[in-house]
Amino acid sequence: MSDATTLSTQDVSRLLKDPSADARAALAPKLAGHLESESLSQGEFAIAHDILNMMARDTAVIVRRALADNLKHTHNLPRDVALTLARDIDDVALPILETSQVFTDEDLVELVREVPEAKQMAIARRNSLSAPVTDALIQTDNREVVRTVVRNGGADITEHSLNRVLDRFGDAEDIQDPMVRRRELPLTVAERLVSRVSDHLKTYLMTHHELSADTASELVMKARERATVNLLGPDADELDVERLAAQLHANGRLTPTLVFRALCVGDLAFFEHSMAQLAGVPVVNARTLLHDRGPLGLKSLYDKAGLPEGLFPAMRVAVGILNDTDPRAKDFDQASFGRLMLERILSNADDLHADDAAYLLRKLDDLAEEESAA
């Protein structure tokens, strides 16, 4: 190693002649290089460790700050020295807290619980954050800390913590927006976001466009249903679909039109779980009744689910079509299938009520608009 990056006898002599804070601070980069040396013996490391401990407790801030700045990327930085620096004043602590990789998750969780906001923010900005650390940061309920965590693409945020964020800050657009933009969101969290955004949209429509509450509600309901169905891809996990249906039902958002929309785009799993939730039966029982080729299975489940009588003819035709379709086939296209589904319903459901037929026609128009905009 070169003299520029390692300690030498000249450095020691210079320090003895000039024991100023500036001279001590100048040792920091060489100490960092010394620690990274692969040829460092156990004895040499022990001496460097002692020097680091002394410098980490130096009375001069310039020395401690130089140490933190130069050692924040050092993988061999002794953990006890890092913890000493992390508990120092902000000028010293923030670089270490934001960057150093020598801390354990337990260290970071403990620090989050004991340090003030500025240091919590530094931890929240780290390139990667494990679930226990993000849990601790979100549990601070500090808006700025929480927003920083949600914006951090390297943060592993559990479903429980995401729901806590929505419980505390669900109306805050500066937290909603980065949450929506995260690479992955649990379906139940995504649905709650859809609902929150819909509520804001309704208020906006009424205040900015002078729409009546009923008209605004109808527009918002359509947007919410479309967004909810779009959350579910063909590879959605069965348990996630079940939990989403349960959450919608528990919050009064599992509407007949939402269930029917899912059926019309071929989302069989969500349709099955939704019917099971509405009827209050196990999903295996709902599947048996839904796919019974006889006349009684579907009707008994439909009645138990409390769905509108006038929509049953359409539902009966749609289920029959879906029973003969494989939504998981490679050539399956939701928009085309939805159009075909509604066309067949209108031509085959002879006892469909006029109001329901008009509704289905509007839905058919919706699908056409979605397809043309895609």
Protein backbone atom coordinates (compact mmCIF):
# COMPACT_ATOMS: atom_id res chain seq x y z
CA MET A 1 0.00 0.00 0.00
CA SER A 2 1.16 3.56 -0.59
CA ASP A 3 2.03 6.03 2.12
CA ALA A 4 -1.04 8.01 1.11
CA THR A 5 -3.38 5.38 2.46
CA THR A 6 -1.51 3.64 5.30
CA LEU A 7 -0.10 4.69 8.62
CA SER A 8 3.65 5.09 8.79
CA THR A 9 6.33 5.95 11.38
CA GLN A 10 6.42 9.42 9.81
CA ASP A 11 2.72 9.88 10.64
CA VAL A 12 3.40 8.99 14.25
CA SER A 13 6.39 11.36 14.44
CA ARG A 14 4.37 14.15 12.83
CA LEU A 15 1.57 13.62 15.34
CA LEU A 16 3.99 13.80 18.26
CA LYS A 17 5.40 17.08 16.94
CA ASP A 18 2.01 18.55 16.03
CA PRO A 19 -0.75 17.11 18.25
CA SER A 20 -3.34 19.54 16.90
CA ALA A 21 -6.92 18.58 16.02
CA ASP A 22 -6.14 19.11 12.33
CA ALA A 23 -3.22 16.71 12.53
CA ARG A 24 -5.31 14.08 14.30
CA ALA A 25 -8.12 14.49 11.75
CA ALA A 26 -5.61 13.96 8.93
CA LEU A 27 -4.99 10.45 10.22
CA ALA A 28 -8.59 9.38 9.48
CA PRO A 29 -8.20 8.49 5.77
CA LYS A 30 -5.00 6.58 6.48
CA LEU A 31 -6.70 4.65 9.25
CA ALA A 32 -9.48 3.74 6.82
CA GLY A 33 -6.94 2.46 4.29
CA HIS A 34 -5.07 0.63 7.05
CA LEU A 35 -8.23 -1.21 8.11
CA GLU A 36 -8.98 -2.31 4.53
CA SER A 37 -5.55 -3.91 4.12
CA GLU A 38 -5.82 -7.65 3.52
CA SER A 39 -2.37 -8.20 5.03
CA LEU A 40 -3.24 -6.62 8.38
CA SER A 41 -2.16 -8.91 11.24
CA GLN A 42 -4.28 -9.51 14.32
CA GLY A 43 -1.89 -7.42 16.39
CA GLU A 44 -1.93 -4.55 13.90
CA PHE A 45 -5.69 -4.60 13.82
CA ALA A 46 -5.82 -4.44 17.63
CA ILE A 47 -3.56 -1.37 17.61
CA ALA A 48 -5.72 0.29 14.94
CA HIS A 49 -8.81 -0.55 16.99
CA ASP A 50 -7.34 1.22 20.04
CA ILE A 51 -6.51 4.29 17.97
CA LEU A 52 -10.03 4.35 16.52
CA ASN A 53 -11.58 4.15 19.98
CA MET A 54 -9.49 7.11 21.13
CA MET A 55 -10.33 9.17 18.05
CA ALA A 56 -14.05 8.33 18.35
CA ARG A 57 -13.96 9.95 21.79
CA ASP A 58 -11.72 12.86 20.80
CA THR A 59 -12.81 16.19 22.29
CA ALA A 60 -12.50 17.89 18.89
CA VAL A 61 -15.54 17.51 16.64
CA ILE A 62 -13.36 17.91 13.54
CA VAL A 63 -11.53 14.71 14.45
CA ARG A 64 -14.66 12.65 15.07
CA ARG A 65 -16.33 13.99 11.93
CA ALA A 66 -13.26 13.14 9.81
CA LEU A 67 -13.29 9.67 11.28
CA ALA A 68 -16.97 9.13 10.42
CA ASP A 69 -16.63 10.54 6.90
CA ASN A 70 -13.64 8.35 6.08
CA LEU A 71 -14.82 5.15 7.74
CA LYS A 72 -18.46 5.09 6.64
CA HIS A 73 -17.65 2.74 3.71
CA THR A 74 -15.08 0.63 5.60
CA HIS A 75 -16.25 -2.97 5.96
CA ASN A 76 -13.71 -3.73 8.68
CA LEU A 77 -14.78 -0.84 10.89
CA PRO A 78 -15.13 -2.28 14.42
CA ARG A 79 -18.81 -2.36 15.36
CA ASP A 80 -18.28 -0.78 18.77
CA VAL A 81 -16.55 2.19 17.16
CA ALA A 82 -19.42 2.55 14.68
CA LEU A 83 -21.95 2.53 17.52
CA THR A 84 -19.96 5.18 19.40
CA LEU A 85 -19.97 7.41 16.32
CA ALA A 86 -23.68 6.70 15.72
CA ARG A 87 -24.55 8.09 19.15
CA ASP A 88 -22.47 11.25 18.62
CA ILE A 89 -23.77 14.62 17.48
CA ASP A 90 -25.51 14.75 14.08
CA ASP A 91 -22.47 16.02 12.15
CA VAL A 92 -20.59 12.92 13.21
CA ALA A 93 -23.37 10.35 13.35
CA LEU A 94 -25.36 10.90 10.16
CA PRO A 95 -22.75 9.66 7.62
CA ILE A 96 -22.19 6.47 9.61
CA LEU A 97 -25.89 5.81 10.19
CA GLU A 98 -26.79 6.33 6.55
CA THR A 99 -23.95 4.33 5.00
CA SER A 100 -22.03 1.92 7.26
CA GLN A 101 -22.75 -1.77 6.70
CA VAL A 102 -21.29 -3.00 9.99
CA PHE A 103 -24.48 -2.50 12.00
CA THR A 104 -26.71 -5.49 12.68
CA ASP A 105 -30.47 -5.23 12.31
CA GLU A 106 -30.67 -5.36 16.10
CA ASP A 107 -28.29 -2.38 16.32
CA LEU A 108 -30.39 -0.34 13.91
CA VAL A 109 -33.68 -1.18 15.62
CA GLU A 110 -32.22 -0.16 18.98
CA LEU A 111 -30.84 3.06 17.51
CA VAL A 112 -34.19 3.93 15.89
CA ARG A 113 -35.86 3.66 19.28
CA GLU A 114 -33.38 5.87 21.10
CA VAL A 115 -32.15 8.53 18.65
CA PRO A 116 -33.89 11.76 17.55
CA GLU A 117 -35.55 12.43 14.20
CA ALA A 118 -32.48 13.49 12.22
CA LYS A 119 -30.75 10.19 12.97
CA GLN A 120 -33.89 8.20 12.28
CA MET A 121 -34.05 9.94 8.89
CA ALA A 122 -30.45 8.93 8.17
CA ILE A 123 -31.28 5.29 8.90
CA ALA A 124 -34.40 5.56 6.73
CA ARG A 125 -32.21 6.68 3.79
CA ARG A 126 -29.96 3.60 3.88
CA ASN A 127 -29.64 1.75 0.56
CA SER A 128 -31.35 -1.30 2.00
CA LEU A 129 -33.53 -1.77 5.04
CA SER A 130 -34.70 -5.09 6.42
CA ALA A 131 -38.29 -5.62 7.54
CA PRO A 132 -37.48 -5.35 11.29
CA VAL A 133 -35.76 -2.00 10.75
CA THR A 134 -38.57 -0.58 8.60
CA ASP A 135 -41.08 -1.80 11.19
CA ALA A 136 -39.22 0.16 13.87
CA LEU A 137 -39.00 3.28 11.71
CA ILE A 138 -42.71 3.20 10.83
CA GLN A 139 -43.62 2.63 14.47
CA THR A 140 -42.14 6.06 15.27
CA ASP A 141 -45.27 7.51 13.58
CA ASN A 142 -43.07 10.42 12.52
CA ARG A 143 -44.45 11.64 9.21
CA GLU A 144 -41.10 12.65 7.69
CA VAL A 145 -39.45 9.39 8.75
CA VAL A 146 -42.35 7.33 7.41
CA ARG A 147 -42.39 9.20 4.10
CA THR A 148 -38.64 8.62 3.71
CA VAL A 149 -39.05 4.90 4.33
CA VAL A 150 -41.93 4.58 1.85
CA ARG A 151 -39.91 6.44 -0.79
CA ASN A 152 -36.93 4.11 -0.23
CA GLY A 153 -37.02 1.44 -2.93
CA GLY A 154 -34.54 -0.65 -0.95
CA ALA A 155 -36.80 -0.86 2.11
CA ASP A 156 -38.51 -4.17 2.82
CA ILE A 157 -41.88 -3.06 4.20
CA THR A 158 -44.23 -5.68 5.62
CA GLU A 159 -47.94 -5.71 4.89
CA HIS A 160 -48.60 -4.93 8.55
CA SER A 161 -46.41 -1.83 8.40
CA LEU A 162 -47.94 -0.67 5.11
CA ASN A 163 -51.37 -0.90 6.69
CA ARG A 164 -50.10 1.06 9.69
CA VAL A 165 -48.91 3.77 7.30
CA LEU A 166 -52.37 3.91 5.72
CA ASP A 167 -54.02 3.99 9.15
CA ARG A 168 -51.89 6.96 10.26
CA PHE A 169 -51.19 8.82 7.02
CA GLY A 170 -53.60 7.44 4.41
CA ASP A 171 -54.89 10.90 3.52
CA ALA A 172 -51.43 12.40 2.99
CA GLU A 173 -50.71 12.64 -0.75
CA ASP A 174 -46.96 12.95 -0.17
CA ILE A 175 -47.06 9.47 1.39
CA GLN A 176 -49.79 7.99 -0.84
CA ASP A 177 -47.89 8.82 -4.03
CA PRO A 178 -44.61 7.02 -3.24
CA MET A 179 -46.56 4.09 -1.81
CA VAL A 180 -48.47 3.72 -5.08
CA ARG A 181 -45.16 3.80 -6.97
CA ARG A 182 -43.49 1.01 -4.98
CA ARG A 183 -42.47 -1.95 -7.12
CA GLU A 184 -44.64 -4.40 -5.18
CA LEU A 185 -47.66 -3.98 -2.93
CA PRO A 186 -49.79 -6.64 -1.26
CA LEU A 187 -53.21 -6.82 -2.91
CA THR A 188 -55.00 -5.83 0.29
CA VAL A 189 -52.85 -2.70 0.63
CA ALA A 190 -53.29 -1.80 -3.03
CA GLU A 191 -57.07 -2.10 -2.66
CA ARG A 192 -57.05 0.21 0.36
CA LEU A 193 -55.10 2.73 -1.69
CA VAL A 194 -57.65 2.47 -4.50
CA SER A 195 -60.39 3.22 -2.00
CA ARG A 196 -58.52 6.19 -0.52
CA VAL A 197 -57.80 7.68 -3.92
CA SER A 198 -61.44 7.18 -4.91
CA ASP A 199 -62.65 9.11 -1.88
CA HIS A 200 -60.39 12.02 -2.83
CA LEU A 201 -61.59 11.83 -6.42
CA LYS A 202 -65.21 12.05 -5.34
CA THR A 203 -64.53 15.19 -3.30
CA TYR A 204 -62.58 16.70 -6.21
CA LEU A 205 -65.37 15.99 -8.72
CA MET A 206 -67.99 17.58 -6.48
CA THR A 207 -65.95 20.69 -5.63
CA HIS A 208 -64.25 21.34 -8.98
CA HIS A 209 -66.86 20.19 -11.48
CA GLU A 210 -70.09 20.92 -9.64
CA LEU A 211 -71.32 17.34 -9.92
CA SER A 212 -74.01 16.04 -7.60
CA ALA A 213 -73.00 13.57 -4.91
CA ASP A 214 -74.89 10.77 -6.73
CA THR A 215 -73.21 11.46 -10.07
CA ALA A 216 -69.78 11.73 -8.50
CA SER A 217 -70.36 8.50 -6.58
CA GLU A 218 -71.34 6.67 -9.76
CA LEU A 219 -68.22 7.84 -11.59
CA VAL A 220 -66.00 6.99 -8.64
CA MET A 221 -67.57 3.56 -8.19
CA LYS A 222 -66.87 2.74 -11.83
CA ALA A 223 -63.25 3.86 -11.50
CA ARG A 224 -62.80 1.99 -8.21
CA GLU A 225 -64.23 -1.26 -9.57
CA ARG A 226 -62.07 -1.08 -12.68
CA ALA A 227 -58.95 -0.41 -10.63
CA THR A 228 -59.76 -3.19 -8.16
CA VAL A 229 -60.26 -5.81 -10.86
CA ASN A 230 -57.03 -4.67 -12.54
CA LEU A 231 -55.12 -5.41 -9.33
CA LEU A 232 -55.59 -9.11 -9.96
CA GLY A 233 -53.30 -10.58 -12.58
CA PRO A 234 -53.60 -14.13 -13.93
CA ASP A 235 -50.81 -15.27 -11.60
CA ALA A 236 -52.25 -13.79 -8.40
CA ASP A 237 -51.66 -15.96 -5.36
CA GLU A 238 -54.78 -17.81 -4.16
CA LEU A 239 -54.32 -16.67 -0.56
CA ASP A 240 -53.94 -13.03 -1.66
CA VAL A 241 -57.15 -13.27 -3.69
CA GLU A 242 -58.99 -14.75 -0.71
CA ARG A 243 -57.74 -12.02 1.62
CA LEU A 244 -58.65 -9.31 -0.88
CA ALA A 245 -62.20 -10.61 -1.21
CA ALA A 246 -62.50 -10.82 2.59
CA GLN A 247 -61.24 -7.26 3.01
CA LEU A 248 -63.63 -5.91 0.41
CA HIS A 249 -66.54 -7.73 2.03
CA ALA A 250 -65.62 -6.56 5.53
CA ASN A 251 -65.56 -2.95 4.35
CA GLY A 252 -68.75 -3.07 2.30
CA ARG A 253 -66.92 -2.77 -1.02
CA LEU A 254 -67.68 -6.21 -2.44
CA THR A 255 -70.54 -4.93 -4.58
CA PRO A 256 -72.61 -6.93 -7.09
CA THR A 257 -71.20 -4.86 -9.94
CA LEU A 258 -67.62 -5.52 -8.83
CA VAL A 259 -68.28 -9.25 -8.64
CA PHE A 260 -69.94 -9.20 -12.05
CA ARG A 261 -67.11 -7.16 -13.59
CA ALA A 262 -64.59 -9.75 -12.37
CA LEU A 263 -66.67 -12.51 -13.90
CA CYS A 264 -66.90 -10.67 -17.22
CA VAL A 265 -63.11 -10.37 -17.55
CA GLY A 266 -62.57 -14.03 -16.71
CA ASP A 267 -61.19 -13.62 -13.19
CA LEU A 268 -62.52 -16.92 -11.94
CA ALA A 269 -60.58 -17.08 -8.66
CA PHE A 270 -61.76 -13.67 -7.47
CA PHE A 271 -65.33 -14.45 -8.53
CA GLU A 272 -65.29 -17.73 -6.59
CA HIS A 273 -63.85 -16.16 -3.44
CA SER A 274 -66.23 -13.22 -3.68
CA MET A 275 -69.27 -15.47 -3.90
CA ALA A 276 -67.97 -17.52 -0.97
CA GLN A 277 -67.55 -14.34 1.11
CA LEU A 278 -71.00 -12.99 0.24
CA ALA A 279 -72.71 -16.31 0.90
CA GLY A 280 -70.68 -17.03 4.04
CA VAL A 281 -69.57 -20.48 2.90
CA PRO A 282 -66.14 -22.10 2.38
CA VAL A 283 -64.72 -21.44 -1.08
CA VAL A 284 -64.61 -25.18 -1.85
CA ASN A 285 -68.38 -25.31 -1.33
CA ALA A 286 -68.88 -22.21 -3.47
CA ARG A 287 -66.86 -23.77 -6.30
CA THR A 288 -68.94 -26.93 -6.21
CA LEU A 289 -72.18 -24.94 -6.45
CA LEU A 290 -70.89 -22.51 -9.08
CA HIS A 291 -69.75 -25.22 -11.44
CA ASP A 292 -72.72 -27.52 -10.95
CA ARG A 293 -74.19 -28.06 -14.43
CA GLY A 294 -77.64 -28.51 -12.93
CA PRO A 295 -80.15 -25.70 -12.37
CA LEU A 296 -79.96 -25.50 -8.57
CA GLY A 297 -76.33 -25.07 -7.53
CA LEU A 298 -75.66 -21.57 -8.85
CA LYS A 299 -79.14 -20.31 -7.92
CA SER A 300 -78.87 -21.47 -4.32
CA LEU A 301 -75.45 -19.84 -3.90
CA TYR A 302 -76.62 -16.66 -5.65
CA ASP A 303 -79.63 -16.34 -3.35
CA LYS A 304 -77.53 -16.98 -0.25
CA ALA A 305 -75.08 -14.29 -1.39
CA GLY A 306 -77.94 -11.78 -1.45
CA LEU A 307 -77.24 -10.55 -4.96
CA PRO A 308 -79.96 -8.70 -6.95
CA GLU A 309 -82.53 -11.03 -8.51
CA GLY A 310 -82.56 -9.05 -11.75
CA LEU A 311 -78.89 -9.74 -12.41
CA PHE A 312 -79.14 -13.53 -12.04
CA PRO A 313 -79.94 -14.34 -15.71
CA ALA A 314 -76.79 -12.53 -16.79
CA MET A 315 -74.75 -14.21 -14.07
CA ARG A 316 -76.08 -17.63 -15.10
CA VAL A 317 -75.05 -17.14 -18.73
CA ALA A 318 -71.66 -15.69 -17.75
CA VAL A 319 -70.83 -18.61 -15.46
CA GLY A 320 -71.76 -21.04 -18.21
CA ILE A 321 -69.44 -19.30 -20.65
CA LEU A 322 -66.61 -19.17 -18.13
CA ASN A 323 -66.98 -22.88 -17.39
CA ASP A 324 -66.09 -23.50 -21.03
CA THR A 325 -63.14 -21.08 -21.07
CA ASP A 326 -59.57 -21.30 -19.79
CA PRO A 327 -58.55 -17.82 -18.55
CA ARG A 328 -54.99 -19.11 -18.06
CA ALA A 329 -54.52 -19.95 -21.75
CA LYS A 330 -51.71 -18.06 -23.47
CA ASP A 331 -54.04 -16.52 -26.05
CA PHE A 332 -56.60 -15.35 -23.46
CA ASP A 333 -57.32 -11.61 -23.76
CA GLN A 334 -59.40 -9.98 -21.04
CA ALA A 335 -60.79 -7.10 -23.11
CA SER A 336 -61.86 -9.33 -26.01
CA PHE A 337 -63.28 -11.91 -23.63
CA GLY A 338 -65.25 -9.24 -21.77
CA ARG A 339 -66.76 -7.96 -24.98
CA LEU A 340 -67.69 -11.48 -26.09
CA MET A 341 -69.10 -12.28 -22.66
CA LEU A 342 -71.41 -9.28 -22.56
CA GLU A 343 -72.57 -9.78 -26.16
CA ARG A 344 -73.54 -13.38 -25.40
CA ILE A 345 -75.28 -12.40 -22.19
CA LEU A 346 -77.41 -9.84 -23.99
CA SER A 347 -78.34 -12.34 -26.69
CA ASN A 348 -78.99 -15.33 -24.41
CA ALA A 349 -80.43 -13.96 -21.16
CA ASP A 350 -84.02 -13.60 -22.38
CA ASP A 351 -85.41 -12.85 -18.93
CA LEU A 352 -82.91 -10.09 -18.24
CA HIS A 353 -84.58 -7.00 -16.79
CA ALA A 354 -84.54 -3.87 -18.95
CA ASP A 355 -82.61 -1.86 -16.35
CA ASP A 356 -80.01 -4.58 -16.05
CA ALA A 357 -79.69 -4.81 -19.83
CA ALA A 358 -79.04 -1.07 -19.99
CA TYR A 359 -76.43 -1.45 -17.28
CA LEU A 360 -74.69 -4.25 -19.20
CA LEU A 361 -74.67 -2.14 -22.34
CA ARG A 362 -72.90 0.61 -20.42
CA LYS A 363 -70.41 -1.93 -19.19
CA LEU A 364 -69.84 -3.08 -22.74
CA ASP A 365 -69.09 0.52 -23.70
CA ASP A 366 -66.67 0.73 -20.78
CA LEU A 367 -64.76 -2.30 -22.03
CA ALA A 368 -64.61 -0.83 -25.53
CA GLU A 369 -63.16 2.40 -24.13
CA GLU A 370 -60.58 0.46 -22.11
CA GLU A 371 -59.54 -1.54 -25.17
CA SER A 372 -59.19 1.53 -27.39
CA ALA A 373 -57.18 3.37 -24.76
CA ALA A 374 -54.80 0.45 -24.22
